Amino acid sequence: MESISEYAKFFAGLLAVVNPIGAVPIFIELTVNQSMPERRHTGSIAALATGVILFVALLCGEGILRFFGISIASFRVGGGILILLMALSMLHARMSAARHTQEETEDSTDRDSLAVVPLGMPLLAGPGAISTVILYAQRQESASHYMVLGVEILLISLITWICFRVATHIAKFLGKTGINLVTRIMGLIMAAIGVEFIASGLKQLFPVLG
């Protein structure tokens, strides 16, 4: 198993990528025409979908890469660049188009069910979150390693559920400025993770850099 600090880094990194607090304004916007029970139900399904998608990435991600003949080193560099680009958008308090676009927001307002798409994916469990899970999962092959990562994914799903459950209170308490501040902090954490993934992948691809 990895050290406790590495698992803490994974938890902090994945929480930063998923960023449920930053997703609160979009969640409120998409559910503005729903009653409170309907909004809570939508939030619960979105949190569940996020957990399921990340669990699938945890268990099947590396196998999918092997199927397409993609090396972990290449995926580290590609995933790191994606996470870094998302982080740069978050540092400017903007939602990256890799996670969610304005067209998806407008399209989802016409849907009866929006909990899975676009809330669960790609807003929460988007390309960045999936890449993070796959890259941390491949570090060990022991059952205990996957179990710890699974528990951390479960905790992030629970945090997401809580954030959506009290979304209106979070929006009122933090306001636009507070949510932007949280988003920027998460973006800074993501940027560091993205750089680390890129550096690690380049060392694997080009051993002379080590």
C-alpha atoms as a PDB file:
ATOM      1  CA  MET A   1       0.000   0.000   0.000  1.00  0.00           C
ATOM      2  CA  GLU A   2       0.957   3.620  -0.491  1.00  0.00           C
ATOM      3  CA  SER A   3       1.767   5.838   2.485  1.00  0.00           C
ATOM      4  CA  ILE A   4      -0.952   7.724   4.325  1.00  0.00           C
ATOM      5  CA  SER A   5       0.311  10.982   2.830  1.00  0.00           C
ATOM      6  CA  GLU A   6      -0.158   9.609  -0.693  1.00  0.00           C
ATOM      7  CA  TYR A   7      -3.737   8.581   0.039  1.00  0.00           C
ATOM      8  CA  ALA A   8      -4.361  11.991   1.616  1.00  0.00           C
ATOM      9  CA  LYS A   9      -2.958  13.569  -1.560  1.00  0.00           C
ATOM     10  CA  PHE A  10      -5.303  11.464  -3.687  1.00  0.00           C
ATOM     11  CA  PHE A  11      -8.307  12.479  -1.583  1.00  0.00           C
ATOM     12  CA  ALA A  12      -7.419  16.182  -1.678  1.00  0.00           C
ATOM     13  CA  GLY A  13      -6.651  16.026  -5.390  1.00  0.00           C
ATOM     14  CA  LEU A  14      -9.834  14.198  -6.359  1.00  0.00           C
ATOM     15  CA  LEU A  15     -11.922  16.505  -4.175  1.00  0.00           C
ATOM     16  CA  ALA A  16     -10.316  19.478  -5.928  1.00  0.00           C
ATOM     17  CA  VAL A  17     -11.059  18.021  -9.365  1.00  0.00           C
ATOM     18  CA  VAL A  18     -14.676  17.107  -8.549  1.00  0.00           C
ATOM     19  CA  ASN A  19     -15.093  20.452  -6.707  1.00  0.00           C
ATOM     20  CA  PRO A  20     -18.694  20.008  -5.480  1.00  0.00           C
ATOM     21  CA  ILE A  21     -18.788  23.499  -3.932  1.00  0.00           C
ATOM     22  CA  GLY A  22     -17.818  25.062  -7.249  1.00  0.00           C
ATOM     23  CA  ALA A  23     -20.611  23.047  -8.901  1.00  0.00           C
ATOM     24  CA  VAL A  24     -23.271  24.431  -6.528  1.00  0.00           C
ATOM     25  CA  PRO A  25     -24.198  27.473  -8.695  1.00  0.00           C
ATOM     26  CA  ILE A  26     -24.666  25.263 -11.779  1.00  0.00           C
ATOM     27  CA  PHE A  27     -26.680  22.754  -9.735  1.00  0.00           C
ATOM     28  CA  ILE A  28     -28.984  25.554  -8.527  1.00  0.00           C
ATOM     29  CA  GLU A  29     -29.309  26.938 -12.052  1.00  0.00           C
ATOM     30  CA  LEU A  30     -30.209  23.560 -13.543  1.00  0.00           C
ATOM     31  CA  THR A  31     -32.765  22.748 -10.827  1.00  0.00           C
ATOM     32  CA  VAL A  32     -34.320  26.216 -10.521  1.00  0.00           C
ATOM     33  CA  ASN A  33     -37.729  24.938 -11.698  1.00  0.00           C
ATOM     34  CA  GLN A  34     -37.748  21.942  -9.348  1.00  0.00           C
ATOM     35  CA  SER A  35     -39.421  21.755  -5.967  1.00  0.00           C
ATOM     36  CA  MET A  36     -37.230  21.207  -2.908  1.00  0.00           C
ATOM     37  CA  PRO A  37     -37.924  17.425  -2.762  1.00  0.00           C
ATOM     38  CA  GLU A  38     -37.191  17.140  -6.490  1.00  0.00           C
ATOM     39  CA  ARG A  39     -33.968  19.145  -6.119  1.00  0.00           C
ATOM     40  CA  ARG A  40     -32.818  16.934  -3.252  1.00  0.00           C
ATOM     41  CA  HIS A  41     -33.631  13.818  -5.276  1.00  0.00           C
ATOM     42  CA  THR A  42     -31.653  15.190  -8.230  1.00  0.00           C
ATOM     43  CA  GLY A  43     -28.697  15.956  -5.944  1.00  0.00           C
ATOM     44  CA  SER A  44     -28.785  12.452  -4.480  1.00  0.00           C
ATOM     45  CA  ILE A  45     -28.809  10.798  -7.911  1.00  0.00           C
ATOM     46  CA  ALA A  46     -26.003  13.086  -9.118  1.00  0.00           C
ATOM     47  CA  ALA A  47     -23.828  12.183  -6.121  1.00  0.00           C
ATOM     48  CA  LEU A  48     -24.578   8.471  -6.645  1.00  0.00           C
ATOM     49  CA  ALA A  49     -23.776   8.710 -10.360  1.00  0.00           C
ATOM     50  CA  THR A  50     -20.488  10.431  -9.545  1.00  0.00           C
ATOM     51  CA  GLY A  51     -19.506   7.624  -7.202  1.00  0.00           C
ATOM     52  CA  VAL A  52     -20.500   4.878  -9.659  1.00  0.00           C
ATOM     53  CA  ILE A  53     -18.597   6.486 -12.552  1.00  0.00           C
ATOM     54  CA  LEU A  54     -15.442   6.893 -10.472  1.00  0.00           C
ATOM     55  CA  PHE A  55     -15.737   3.316  -9.133  1.00  0.00           C
ATOM     56  CA  VAL A  56     -15.920   2.039 -12.729  1.00  0.00           C
ATOM     57  CA  ALA A  57     -12.823   4.100 -13.575  1.00  0.00           C
ATOM     58  CA  LEU A  58     -11.066   2.654 -10.521  1.00  0.00           C
ATOM     59  CA  LEU A  59     -11.799  -0.956 -11.430  1.00  0.00           C
ATOM     60  CA  CYS A  60     -11.740  -0.866 -15.234  1.00  0.00           C
ATOM     61  CA  GLY A  61      -9.673   2.172 -16.212  1.00  0.00           C
ATOM     62  CA  GLU A  62      -6.296   0.502 -16.596  1.00  0.00           C
ATOM     63  CA  GLY A  63      -7.851  -2.401 -18.519  1.00  0.00           C
ATOM     64  CA  ILE A  64      -9.427   0.062 -20.958  1.00  0.00           C
ATOM     65  CA  LEU A  65      -6.045   1.712 -21.495  1.00  0.00           C
ATOM     66  CA  ARG A  66      -4.458  -1.672 -22.228  1.00  0.00           C
ATOM     67  CA  PHE A  67      -7.260  -2.487 -24.665  1.00  0.00           C
ATOM     68  CA  PHE A  68      -6.471   0.638 -26.677  1.00  0.00           C
ATOM     69  CA  GLY A  69      -2.722   0.132 -26.338  1.00  0.00           C
ATOM     70  CA  ILE A  70      -2.161   3.319 -24.336  1.00  0.00           C
ATOM     71  CA  SER A  71       0.761   3.265 -21.921  1.00  0.00           C
ATOM     72  CA  ILE A  72       0.387   4.582 -18.392  1.00  0.00           C
ATOM     73  CA  ALA A  73       3.258   6.996 -19.042  1.00  0.00           C
ATOM     74  CA  SER A  74       1.483   8.526 -22.041  1.00  0.00           C
ATOM     75  CA  PHE A  75      -1.766   8.700 -20.111  1.00  0.00           C
ATOM     76  CA  ARG A  76       0.032  10.424 -17.235  1.00  0.00           C
ATOM     77  CA  VAL A  77       1.245  13.171 -19.549  1.00  0.00           C
ATOM     78  CA  GLY A  78      -2.104  13.516 -21.332  1.00  0.00           C
ATOM     79  CA  GLY A  79      -4.098  13.405 -18.100  1.00  0.00           C
ATOM     80  CA  GLY A  80      -1.730  15.854 -16.453  1.00  0.00           C
ATOM     81  CA  ILE A  81      -2.119  18.346 -19.312  1.00  0.00           C
ATOM     82  CA  LEU A  82      -5.914  18.041 -19.130  1.00  0.00           C
ATOM     83  CA  ILE A  83      -5.926  18.584 -15.362  1.00  0.00           C
ATOM     84  CA  LEU A  84      -3.544  21.535 -15.723  1.00  0.00           C
ATOM     85  CA  LEU A  85      -5.763  23.190 -18.348  1.00  0.00           C
ATOM     86  CA  MET A  86      -8.817  22.722 -16.114  1.00  0.00           C
ATOM     87  CA  ALA A  87      -6.849  24.151 -13.188  1.00  0.00           C
ATOM     88  CA  LEU A  88      -5.942  27.265 -15.163  1.00  0.00           C
ATOM     89  CA  SER A  89      -9.630  27.900 -15.834  1.00  0.00           C
ATOM     90  CA  MET A  90     -10.441  27.403 -12.155  1.00  0.00           C
ATOM     91  CA  LEU A  91      -7.678  29.828 -11.122  1.00  0.00           C
ATOM     92  CA  HIS A  92      -9.635  32.424 -13.099  1.00  0.00           C
ATOM     93  CA  ALA A  93     -12.846  31.281 -11.326  1.00  0.00           C
ATOM     94  CA  ARG A  94     -14.231  29.839 -14.553  1.00  0.00           C
ATOM     95  CA  MET A  95     -15.665  26.395 -15.251  1.00  0.00           C
ATOM     96  CA  SER A  96     -13.513  24.597 -17.790  1.00  0.00           C
ATOM     97  CA  ALA A  97     -15.233  23.613 -21.049  1.00  0.00           C
ATOM     98  CA  ALA A  98     -13.760  20.131 -20.516  1.00  0.00           C
ATOM     99  CA  ARG A  99     -16.176  19.752 -17.621  1.00  0.00           C
ATOM    100  CA  HIS A 100     -19.238  21.653 -18.737  1.00  0.00           C
ATOM    101  CA  THR A 101     -20.227  23.972 -21.565  1.00  0.00           C
ATOM    102  CA  GLN A 102     -22.941  26.602 -21.855  1.00  0.00           C
ATOM    103  CA  GLU A 103     -24.599  24.515 -24.579  1.00  0.00           C
ATOM    104  CA  GLU A 104     -24.913  21.593 -22.162  1.00  0.00           C
ATOM    105  CA  THR A 105     -26.503  23.871 -19.579  1.00  0.00           C
ATOM    106  CA  GLU A 106     -29.059  25.146 -22.079  1.00  0.00           C
ATOM    107  CA  ASP A 107     -29.761  21.643 -23.392  1.00  0.00           C
ATOM    108  CA  SER A 108     -30.212  20.132 -19.924  1.00  0.00           C
ATOM    109  CA  THR A 109     -32.900  22.630 -18.939  1.00  0.00           C
ATOM    110  CA  ASP A 110     -35.253  20.792 -21.302  1.00  0.00           C
ATOM    111  CA  ARG A 111     -34.651  17.399 -19.739  1.00  0.00           C
ATOM    112  CA  ASP A 112     -36.749  15.704 -17.110  1.00  0.00           C
ATOM    113  CA  SER A 113     -33.704  14.029 -15.615  1.00  0.00           C
ATOM    114  CA  LEU A 114     -30.372  15.836 -15.462  1.00  0.00           C
ATOM    115  CA  ALA A 115     -28.843  14.154 -12.431  1.00  0.00           C
ATOM    116  CA  VAL A 116     -26.616  11.764 -14.378  1.00  0.00           C
ATOM    117  CA  VAL A 117     -25.935  13.988 -17.416  1.00  0.00           C
ATOM    118  CA  PRO A 118     -24.679  16.664 -17.152  1.00  0.00           C
ATOM    119  CA  LEU A 119     -24.418  16.818 -13.338  1.00  0.00           C
ATOM    120  CA  GLY A 120     -22.873  13.415 -12.606  1.00  0.00           C
ATOM    121  CA  MET A 121     -20.897  13.423 -15.821  1.00  0.00           C
ATOM    122  CA  PRO A 122     -19.143  15.509 -17.069  1.00  0.00           C
ATOM    123  CA  LEU A 123     -19.641  18.223 -14.415  1.00  0.00           C
ATOM    124  CA  LEU A 124     -18.467  16.184 -11.397  1.00  0.00           C
ATOM    125  CA  ALA A 125     -17.009  12.901 -12.646  1.00  0.00           C
ATOM    126  CA  GLY A 126     -15.516  14.412 -15.771  1.00  0.00           C
ATOM    127  CA  PRO A 127     -12.321  13.634 -17.704  1.00  0.00           C
ATOM    128  CA  GLY A 128     -10.106  15.162 -15.022  1.00  0.00           C
ATOM    129  CA  ALA A 129     -11.600  13.140 -12.178  1.00  0.00           C
ATOM    130  CA  ILE A 130     -11.546   9.915 -14.193  1.00  0.00           C
ATOM    131  CA  SER A 131      -7.906  10.509 -15.175  1.00  0.00           C
ATOM    132  CA  THR A 132      -6.952  11.156 -11.545  1.00  0.00           C
ATOM    133  CA  VAL A 133      -8.577   7.915 -10.376  1.00  0.00           C
ATOM    134  CA  ILE A 134      -6.951   5.801 -13.103  1.00  0.00           C
ATOM    135  CA  LEU A 135      -3.496   7.269 -12.525  1.00  0.00           C
ATOM    136  CA  TYR A 136      -3.587   6.693  -8.770  1.00  0.00           C
ATOM    137  CA  ALA A 137      -5.155   3.233  -9.125  1.00  0.00           C
ATOM    138  CA  GLN A 138      -2.307   1.866 -11.253  1.00  0.00           C
ATOM    139  CA  ARG A 139       0.321   2.575  -8.575  1.00  0.00           C
ATOM    140  CA  GLN A 140      -0.522  -0.656  -6.728  1.00  0.00           C
ATOM    141  CA  GLU A 141      -2.405  -3.839  -7.574  1.00  0.00           C
ATOM    142  CA  SER A 142      -3.254  -4.984  -4.052  1.00  0.00           C
ATOM    143  CA  ALA A 143      -6.849  -5.346  -2.897  1.00  0.00           C
ATOM    144  CA  SER A 144      -6.170  -3.105   0.106  1.00  0.00           C
ATOM    145  CA  HIS A 145      -4.970  -0.305  -2.206  1.00  0.00           C
ATOM    146  CA  TYR A 146      -8.160  -0.433  -4.256  1.00  0.00           C
ATOM    147  CA  MET A 147     -10.233  -0.660  -1.092  1.00  0.00           C
ATOM    148  CA  VAL A 148      -8.723   2.532   0.353  1.00  0.00           C
ATOM    149  CA  LEU A 149      -9.228   4.393  -2.920  1.00  0.00           C
ATOM    150  CA  GLY A 150     -12.796   3.089  -3.066  1.00  0.00           C
ATOM    151  CA  VAL A 151     -13.525   4.381   0.442  1.00  0.00           C
ATOM    152  CA  GLU A 152     -12.141   7.792  -0.496  1.00  0.00           C
ATOM    153  CA  ILE A 153     -14.334   7.898  -3.610  1.00  0.00           C
ATOM    154  CA  LEU A 154     -17.294   7.027  -1.387  1.00  0.00           C
ATOM    155  CA  LEU A 155     -16.412   9.906   0.964  1.00  0.00           C
ATOM    156  CA  ILE A 156     -16.231  12.354  -1.938  1.00  0.00           C
ATOM    157  CA  SER A 157     -19.631  11.160  -3.162  1.00  0.00           C
ATOM    158  CA  LEU A 158     -20.970  11.743   0.356  1.00  0.00           C
ATOM    159  CA  ILE A 159     -19.461  15.259   0.442  1.00  0.00           C
ATOM    160  CA  THR A 160     -21.054  15.948  -2.954  1.00  0.00           C
ATOM    161  CA  TRP A 161     -24.431  14.754  -1.666  1.00  0.00           C
ATOM    162  CA  ILE A 162     -24.142  17.025   1.383  1.00  0.00           C
ATOM    163  CA  CYS A 163     -23.148  20.033  -0.756  1.00  0.00           C
ATOM    164  CA  PHE A 164     -26.138  19.567  -3.049  1.00  0.00           C
ATOM    165  CA  ARG A 165     -28.416  18.883  -0.089  1.00  0.00           C
ATOM    166  CA  VAL A 166     -27.596  22.305   1.367  1.00  0.00           C
ATOM    167  CA  ALA A 167     -26.783  24.012  -1.933  1.00  0.00           C
ATOM    168  CA  THR A 168     -28.945  27.080  -1.336  1.00  0.00           C
ATOM    169  CA  HIS A 169     -27.421  27.615   2.108  1.00  0.00           C
ATOM    170  CA  ILE A 170     -23.878  27.319   0.688  1.00  0.00           C
ATOM    171  CA  ALA A 171     -24.716  29.818  -2.057  1.00  0.00           C
ATOM    172  CA  LYS A 172     -26.134  32.301   0.466  1.00  0.00           C
ATOM    173  CA  PHE A 173     -23.307  31.856   2.993  1.00  0.00           C
ATOM    174  CA  LEU A 174     -20.346  31.972   0.609  1.00  0.00           C
ATOM    175  CA  GLY A 175     -21.831  34.169  -2.082  1.00  0.00           C
ATOM    176  CA  LYS A 176     -20.275  34.545  -5.516  1.00  0.00           C
ATOM    177  CA  THR A 177     -16.963  35.762  -4.070  1.00  0.00           C
ATOM    178  CA  GLY A 178     -16.662  32.896  -1.589  1.00  0.00           C
ATOM    179  CA  ILE A 179     -17.407  30.219  -4.182  1.00  0.00           C
ATOM    180  CA  ASN A 180     -14.887  31.807  -6.563  1.00  0.00           C
ATOM    181  CA  LEU A 181     -12.282  31.775  -3.787  1.00  0.00           C
ATOM    182  CA  VAL A 182     -12.873  28.071  -3.104  1.00  0.00           C
ATOM    183  CA  THR A 183     -12.697  27.367  -6.844  1.00  0.00           C
ATOM    184  CA  ARG A 184      -9.345  29.167  -7.109  1.00  0.00           C
ATOM    185  CA  ILE A 185      -7.900  27.225  -4.169  1.00  0.00           C
ATOM    186  CA  MET A 186      -9.064  23.954  -5.729  1.00  0.00           C
ATOM    187  CA  GLY A 187      -7.560  25.095  -9.028  1.00  0.00           C
ATOM    188  CA  LEU A 188      -4.193  25.674  -7.377  1.00  0.00           C
ATOM    189  CA  ILE A 189      -4.234  22.143  -5.930  1.00  0.00           C
ATOM    190  CA  MET A 190      -5.223  20.749  -9.327  1.00  0.00           C
ATOM    191  CA  ALA A 191      -2.401  22.633 -11.058  1.00  0.00           C
ATOM    192  CA  ALA A 192       0.158  21.069  -8.716  1.00  0.00           C
ATOM    193  CA  ILE A 193      -1.297  17.596  -9.349  1.00  0.00           C
ATOM    194  CA  GLY A 194      -1.291  18.153 -13.117  1.00  0.00           C
ATOM    195  CA  VAL A 195       2.361  19.214 -13.109  1.00  0.00           C
ATOM    196  CA  GLU A 196       3.271  16.180 -10.983  1.00  0.00           C
ATOM    197  CA  PHE A 197       1.510  13.818 -13.405  1.00  0.00           C
ATOM    198  CA  ILE A 198       3.236  15.410 -16.407  1.00  0.00           C
ATOM    199  CA  ALA A 199       6.684  15.260 -14.785  1.00  0.00           C
ATOM    200  CA  SER A 200       6.193  11.623 -13.732  1.00  0.00           C
ATOM    201  CA  GLY A 201       4.963  10.616 -17.186  1.00  0.00           C
ATOM    202  CA  LEU A 202       7.845  12.348 -18.967  1.00  0.00           C
ATOM    203  CA  LYS A 203      10.366  10.578 -16.702  1.00  0.00           C
ATOM    204  CA  GLN A 204       8.797   7.231 -17.662  1.00  0.00           C
ATOM    205  CA  LEU A 205       8.780   8.082 -21.370  1.00  0.00           C
ATOM    206  CA  PHE A 206      12.283   9.555 -21.321  1.00  0.00           C
ATOM    207  CA  PRO A 207      14.340   7.842 -18.557  1.00  0.00           C
ATOM    208  CA  VAL A 208      17.248  10.192 -19.245  1.00  0.00           C
ATOM    209  CA  LEU A 209      15.205  12.951 -17.551  1.00  0.00           C
ATOM    210  CA  GLY A 210      15.318  11.033 -14.287  1.00  0.00           C
END
